Amino acid sequence: MPELPEVETIVNDLNNIILNKKIKKIDILLFKIVRGANSNFVSWSRN
Protein backbone atom coordinates (compact mmCIF):
# COMPACT_ATOMS: atom_id res chain seq x y z
CA MET A 1 0.00 0.00 0.00
CA PRO A 2 1.46 3.40 -0.92
CA GLU A 3 2.28 5.94 1.76
CA LEU A 4 0.20 9.12 2.03
CA PRO A 5 2.89 11.48 0.60
CA GLU A 6 3.13 9.30 -2.51
CA VAL A 7 -0.65 9.36 -2.94
CA GLU A 8 -0.72 13.14 -2.50
CA THR A 9 1.98 13.52 -5.14
CA ILE A 10 -0.02 11.44 -7.62
CA VAL A 11 -3.22 13.38 -6.84
CA ASN A 12 -1.46 16.71 -7.34
CA ASP A 13 0.09 15.57 -10.63
CA LEU A 14 -3.25 14.31 -11.93
CA ASN A 15 -5.01 17.51 -10.86
CA ASN A 16 -2.60 19.50 -13.02
CA ILE A 17 -3.35 17.28 -16.01
CA ILE A 18 -7.06 16.40 -15.80
CA LEU A 19 -8.78 19.00 -13.63
CA ASN A 20 -11.68 20.68 -15.47
CA LYS A 21 -11.37 18.26 -18.40
CA LYS A 22 -14.28 16.33 -19.89
CA ILE A 23 -14.24 12.56 -20.15
CA LYS A 24 -14.96 11.68 -23.78
CA LYS A 25 -14.71 7.91 -23.61
CA ILE A 26 -14.32 5.15 -21.09
CA ASP A 27 -13.63 1.47 -21.59
CA ILE A 28 -14.98 -0.90 -18.97
CA LEU A 29 -13.60 -4.35 -19.51
CA LEU A 30 -15.29 -6.01 -16.54
CA PHE A 31 -18.71 -4.51 -15.77
CA LYS A 32 -19.19 -6.42 -12.52
CA ILE A 33 -16.47 -4.31 -10.83
CA VAL A 34 -18.36 -1.05 -11.48
CA ARG A 35 -20.34 -0.34 -8.33
CA GLY A 36 -23.94 0.58 -9.05
CA ALA A 37 -23.66 -0.18 -12.76
CA ASN A 38 -27.29 0.21 -13.76
CA SER A 39 -28.69 0.04 -17.26
CA ASN A 40 -28.45 3.83 -17.78
CA PHE A 41 -24.74 3.85 -17.00
CA VAL A 42 -24.07 0.77 -19.06
CA SER A 43 -25.90 2.13 -22.11
CA TRP A 44 -24.24 5.56 -21.76
CA SER A 45 -20.78 4.07 -21.40
CA ARG A 46 -21.11 1.93 -24.51
CA ASN A 47 -21.86 4.92 -26.78
PDB file of N, CA and C in Angstrom:
ATOM      1  N   MET A   1       0.845  -1.174   0.000  1.00  0.00           N
ATOM      2  CA  MET A   1       0.000   0.000   0.000  1.00  0.00           C
ATOM      3  C   MET A   1       0.895   1.243   0.000  1.00  0.00           C
ATOM      4  N   PRO A   2       0.609   2.201  -0.870  1.00  0.00           N
ATOM      5  CA  PRO A   2       1.460   3.401  -0.918  1.00  0.00           C
ATOM      6  C   PRO A   2       1.280   4.285   0.306  1.00  0.00           C
ATOM      7  N   GLU A   3       2.315   5.002   0.631  1.00  0.00           N
ATOM      8  CA  GLU A   3       2.277   5.939   1.756  1.00  0.00           C
ATOM      9  C   GLU A   3       1.525   7.201   1.343  1.00  0.00           C
ATOM     10  N   LEU A   4       1.001   7.934   2.304  1.00  0.00           N
ATOM     11  CA  LEU A   4       0.203   9.118   2.025  1.00  0.00           C
ATOM     12  C   LEU A   4       0.941  10.162   1.183  1.00  0.00           C
ATOM     13  N   PRO A   5       2.208  10.493   1.463  1.00  0.00           N
ATOM     14  CA  PRO A   5       2.890  11.485   0.604  1.00  0.00           C
ATOM     15  C   PRO A   5       2.943  11.068  -0.864  1.00  0.00           C
ATOM     16  N   GLU A   6       3.111   9.773  -1.128  1.00  0.00           N
ATOM     17  CA  GLU A   6       3.131   9.300  -2.512  1.00  0.00           C
ATOM     18  C   GLU A   6       1.767   9.476  -3.161  1.00  0.00           C
ATOM     19  N   VAL A   7       0.710   9.194  -2.415  1.00  0.00           N
ATOM     20  CA  VAL A   7      -0.646   9.358  -2.937  1.00  0.00           C
ATOM     21  C   VAL A   7      -0.917  10.830  -3.212  1.00  0.00           C
ATOM     22  N   GLU A   8      -0.520  11.701  -2.308  1.00  0.00           N
ATOM     23  CA  GLU A   8      -0.723  13.139  -2.501  1.00  0.00           C
ATOM     24  C   GLU A   8       0.029  13.646  -3.729  1.00  0.00           C
ATOM     25  N   THR A   9       1.205  13.133  -3.964  1.00  0.00           N
ATOM     26  CA  THR A   9       1.976  13.523  -5.143  1.00  0.00           C
ATOM     27  C   THR A   9       1.241  13.124  -6.418  1.00  0.00           C
ATOM     28  N   ILE A  10       0.716  11.915  -6.447  1.00  0.00           N
ATOM     29  CA  ILE A  10      -0.021  11.444  -7.622  1.00  0.00           C
ATOM     30  C   ILE A  10      -1.282  12.277  -7.823  1.00  0.00           C
ATOM     31  N   VAL A  11      -2.008  12.560  -6.743  1.00  0.00           N
ATOM     32  CA  VAL A  11      -3.223  13.376  -6.837  1.00  0.00           C
ATOM     33  C   VAL A  11      -2.887  14.761  -7.380  1.00  0.00           C
ATOM     34  N   ASN A  12      -1.848  15.375  -6.868  1.00  0.00           N
ATOM     35  CA  ASN A  12      -1.456  16.714  -7.342  1.00  0.00           C
ATOM     36  C   ASN A  12      -1.059  16.694  -8.819  1.00  0.00           C
ATOM     37  N   ASP A  13      -0.309  15.683  -9.224  1.00  0.00           N
ATOM     38  CA  ASP A  13       0.093  15.574 -10.627  1.00  0.00           C
ATOM     39  C   ASP A  13      -1.122  15.393 -11.531  1.00  0.00           C
ATOM     40  N   LEU A  14      -2.056  14.536 -11.122  1.00  0.00           N
ATOM     41  CA  LEU A  14      -3.254  14.311 -11.926  1.00  0.00           C
ATOM     42  C   LEU A  14      -4.137  15.558 -11.972  1.00  0.00           C
ATOM     43  N   ASN A  15      -4.221  16.281 -10.865  1.00  0.00           N
ATOM     44  CA  ASN A  15      -5.012  17.512 -10.856  1.00  0.00           C
ATOM     45  C   ASN A  15      -4.487  18.515 -11.877  1.00  0.00           C
ATOM     46  N   ASN A  16      -3.185  18.583 -12.039  1.00  0.00           N
ATOM     47  CA  ASN A  16      -2.597  19.500 -13.019  1.00  0.00           C
ATOM     48  C   ASN A  16      -2.918  19.082 -14.453  1.00  0.00           C
ATOM     49  N   ILE A  17      -3.131  17.798 -14.664  1.00  0.00           N
ATOM     50  CA  ILE A  17      -3.345  17.285 -16.012  1.00  0.00           C
ATOM     51  C   ILE A  17      -4.834  17.199 -16.365  1.00  0.00           C
ATOM     52  N   ILE A  18      -5.672  16.729 -15.426  1.00  0.00           N
ATOM     53  CA  ILE A  18      -7.056  16.402 -15.796  1.00  0.00           C
ATOM     54  C   ILE A  18      -8.131  17.272 -15.159  1.00  0.00           C
ATOM     55  N   LEU A  19      -7.779  18.170 -14.284  1.00  0.00           N
ATOM     56  CA  LEU A  19      -8.777  19.005 -13.631  1.00  0.00           C
ATOM     57  C   LEU A  19      -9.499  19.868 -14.661  1.00  0.00           C
ATOM     58  N   ASN A  20     -10.811  19.917 -14.565  1.00  0.00           N
ATOM     59  CA  ASN A  20     -11.683  20.676 -15.475  1.00  0.00           C
ATOM     60  C   ASN A  20     -11.686  20.139 -16.906  1.00  0.00           C
ATOM     61  N   LYS A  21     -11.311  18.900 -17.085  1.00  0.00           N
ATOM     62  CA  LYS A  21     -11.371  18.264 -18.402  1.00  0.00           C
ATOM     63  C   LYS A  21     -12.637  17.425 -18.481  1.00  0.00           C
ATOM     64  N   LYS A  22     -13.087  17.132 -19.683  1.00  0.00           N
ATOM     65  CA  LYS A  22     -14.278  16.332 -19.895  1.00  0.00           C
ATOM     66  C   LYS A  22     -13.867  14.932 -20.350  1.00  0.00           C
ATOM     67  N   ILE A  23     -14.494  13.938 -19.753  1.00  0.00           N
ATOM     68  CA  ILE A  23     -14.242  12.555 -20.153  1.00  0.00           C
ATOM     69  C   ILE A  23     -15.022  12.292 -21.426  1.00  0.00           C
ATOM     70  N   LYS A  24     -14.317  11.924 -22.486  1.00  0.00           N
ATOM     71  CA  LYS A  24     -14.964  11.681 -23.775  1.00  0.00           C
ATOM     72  C   LYS A  24     -15.296  10.214 -23.977  1.00  0.00           C
ATOM     73  N   LYS A  25     -14.507   9.337 -23.390  1.00  0.00           N
ATOM     74  CA  LYS A  25     -14.711   7.914 -23.610  1.00  0.00           C
ATOM     75  C   LYS A  25     -14.148   7.132 -22.434  1.00  0.00           C
ATOM     76  N   ILE A  26     -14.845   6.069 -22.086  1.00  0.00           N
ATOM     77  CA  ILE A  26     -14.321   5.147 -21.090  1.00  0.00           C
ATOM     78  C   ILE A  26     -14.444   3.731 -21.635  1.00  0.00           C
ATOM     79  N   ASP A  27     -13.563   2.883 -21.226  1.00  0.00           N
ATOM     80  CA  ASP A  27     -13.626   1.472 -21.589  1.00  0.00           C
ATOM     81  C   ASP A  27     -13.704   0.664 -20.298  1.00  0.00           C
ATOM     82  N   ILE A  28     -14.822  -0.030 -20.122  1.00  0.00           N
ATOM     83  CA  ILE A  28     -14.982  -0.902 -18.966  1.00  0.00           C
ATOM     84  C   ILE A  28     -14.867  -2.323 -19.479  1.00  0.00           C
ATOM     85  N   LEU A  29     -13.842  -3.004 -19.024  1.00  0.00           N
ATOM     86  CA  LEU A  29     -13.599  -4.352 -19.510  1.00  0.00           C
ATOM     87  C   LEU A  29     -14.309  -5.403 -18.674  1.00  0.00           C
ATOM     88  N   LEU A  30     -14.629  -5.062 -17.434  1.00  0.00           N
ATOM     89  CA  LEU A  30     -15.289  -6.005 -16.537  1.00  0.00           C
ATOM     90  C   LEU A  30     -16.386  -5.255 -15.793  1.00  0.00           C
ATOM     91  N   PHE A  31     -17.616  -5.313 -16.304  1.00  0.00           N
ATOM     92  CA  PHE A  31     -18.708  -4.506 -15.774  1.00  0.00           C
ATOM     93  C   PHE A  31     -19.060  -4.840 -14.330  1.00  0.00           C
ATOM     94  N   LYS A  32     -18.791  -6.054 -13.879  1.00  0.00           N
ATOM     95  CA  LYS A  32     -19.190  -6.417 -12.518  1.00  0.00           C
ATOM     96  C   LYS A  32     -18.375  -5.669 -11.451  1.00  0.00           C
ATOM     97  N   ILE A  33     -17.253  -5.048 -11.835  1.00  0.00           N
ATOM     98  CA  ILE A  33     -16.475  -4.308 -10.834  1.00  0.00           C
ATOM     99  C   ILE A  33     -16.933  -2.862 -10.693  1.00  0.00           C
ATOM    100  N   VAL A  34     -17.852  -2.405 -11.560  1.00  0.00           N
ATOM    101  CA  VAL A  34     -18.365  -1.046 -11.481  1.00  0.00           C
ATOM    102  C   VAL A  34     -19.511  -1.049 -10.486  1.00  0.00           C
ATOM    103  N   ARG A  35     -19.317  -0.377  -9.372  1.00  0.00           N
ATOM    104  CA  ARG A  35     -20.338  -0.342  -8.330  1.00  0.00           C
ATOM    105  C   ARG A  35     -21.538   0.460  -8.821  1.00  0.00           C
ATOM    106  N   GLY A  36     -22.714  -0.106  -8.661  1.00  0.00           N
ATOM    107  CA  GLY A  36     -23.938   0.581  -9.049  1.00  0.00           C
ATOM    108  C   GLY A  36     -24.116   0.690 -10.550  1.00  0.00           C
ATOM    109  N   ALA A  37     -23.552  -0.232 -11.307  1.00  0.00           N
ATOM    110  CA  ALA A  37     -23.657  -0.179 -12.765  1.00  0.00           C
ATOM    111  C   ALA A  37     -25.082  -0.543 -13.174  1.00  0.00           C
ATOM    112  N   ASN A  38     -25.924   0.464 -13.319  1.00  0.00           N
ATOM    113  CA  ASN A  38     -27.290   0.207 -13.762  1.00  0.00           C
ATOM    114  C   ASN A  38     -27.376   0.318 -15.271  1.00  0.00           C
ATOM    115  N   SER A  39     -28.555   0.075 -15.809  1.00  0.00           N
ATOM    116  CA  SER A  39     -28.691   0.040 -17.257  1.00  0.00           C
ATOM    117  C   SER A  39     -28.407   1.401 -17.892  1.00  0.00           C
ATOM    118  N   ASN A  40     -28.732   2.510 -17.216  1.00  0.00           N
ATOM    119  CA  ASN A  40     -28.447   3.833 -17.776  1.00  0.00           C
ATOM    120  C   ASN A  40     -26.948   4.055 -17.935  1.00  0.00           C
ATOM    121  N   PHE A  41     -26.186   3.692 -16.923  1.00  0.00           N
ATOM    122  CA  PHE A  41     -24.741   3.855 -17.002  1.00  0.00           C
ATOM    123  C   PHE A  41     -24.155   2.952 -18.066  1.00  0.00           C
ATOM    124  N   VAL A  42     -24.602   1.719 -18.098  1.00  0.00           N
ATOM    125  CA  VAL A  42     -24.070   0.767 -19.061  1.00  0.00           C
ATOM    126  C   VAL A  42     -24.362   1.229 -20.479  1.00  0.00           C
ATOM    127  N   SER A  43     -25.580   1.693 -20.751  1.00  0.00           N
ATOM    128  CA  SER A  43     -25.902   2.129 -22.109  1.00  0.00           C
ATOM    129  C   SER A  43     -25.148   3.413 -22.461  1.00  0.00           C
ATOM    130  N   TRP A  44     -24.998   4.331 -21.509  1.00  0.00           N
ATOM    131  CA  TRP A  44     -24.236   5.558 -21.763  1.00  0.00           C
ATOM    132  C   TRP A  44     -22.782   5.252 -22.046  1.00  0.00           C
ATOM    133  N   SER A  45     -22.214   4.329 -21.273  1.00  0.00           N
ATOM    134  CA  SER A  45     -20.782   4.066 -21.397  1.00  0.00           C
ATOM    135  C   SER A  45     -20.429   3.330 -22.676  1.00  0.00           C
ATOM    136  N   ARG A  46     -21.386   2.676 -23.280  1.00  0.00           N
ATOM    137  CA  ARG A  46     -21.113   1.928 -24.515  1.00  0.00           C
ATOM    138  C   ARG A  46     -21.247   2.790 -25.757  1.00  0.00           C
ATOM    139  N   ASN A  47     -21.707   4.022 -25.615  1.00  0.00           N
ATOM    140  CA  ASN A  47     -21.857   4.920 -26.776  1.00  0.00           C
ATOM    141  C   ASN A  47     -20.599   5.696 -27.037  1.00  0.00           C
TER     142      ASN A  47
END
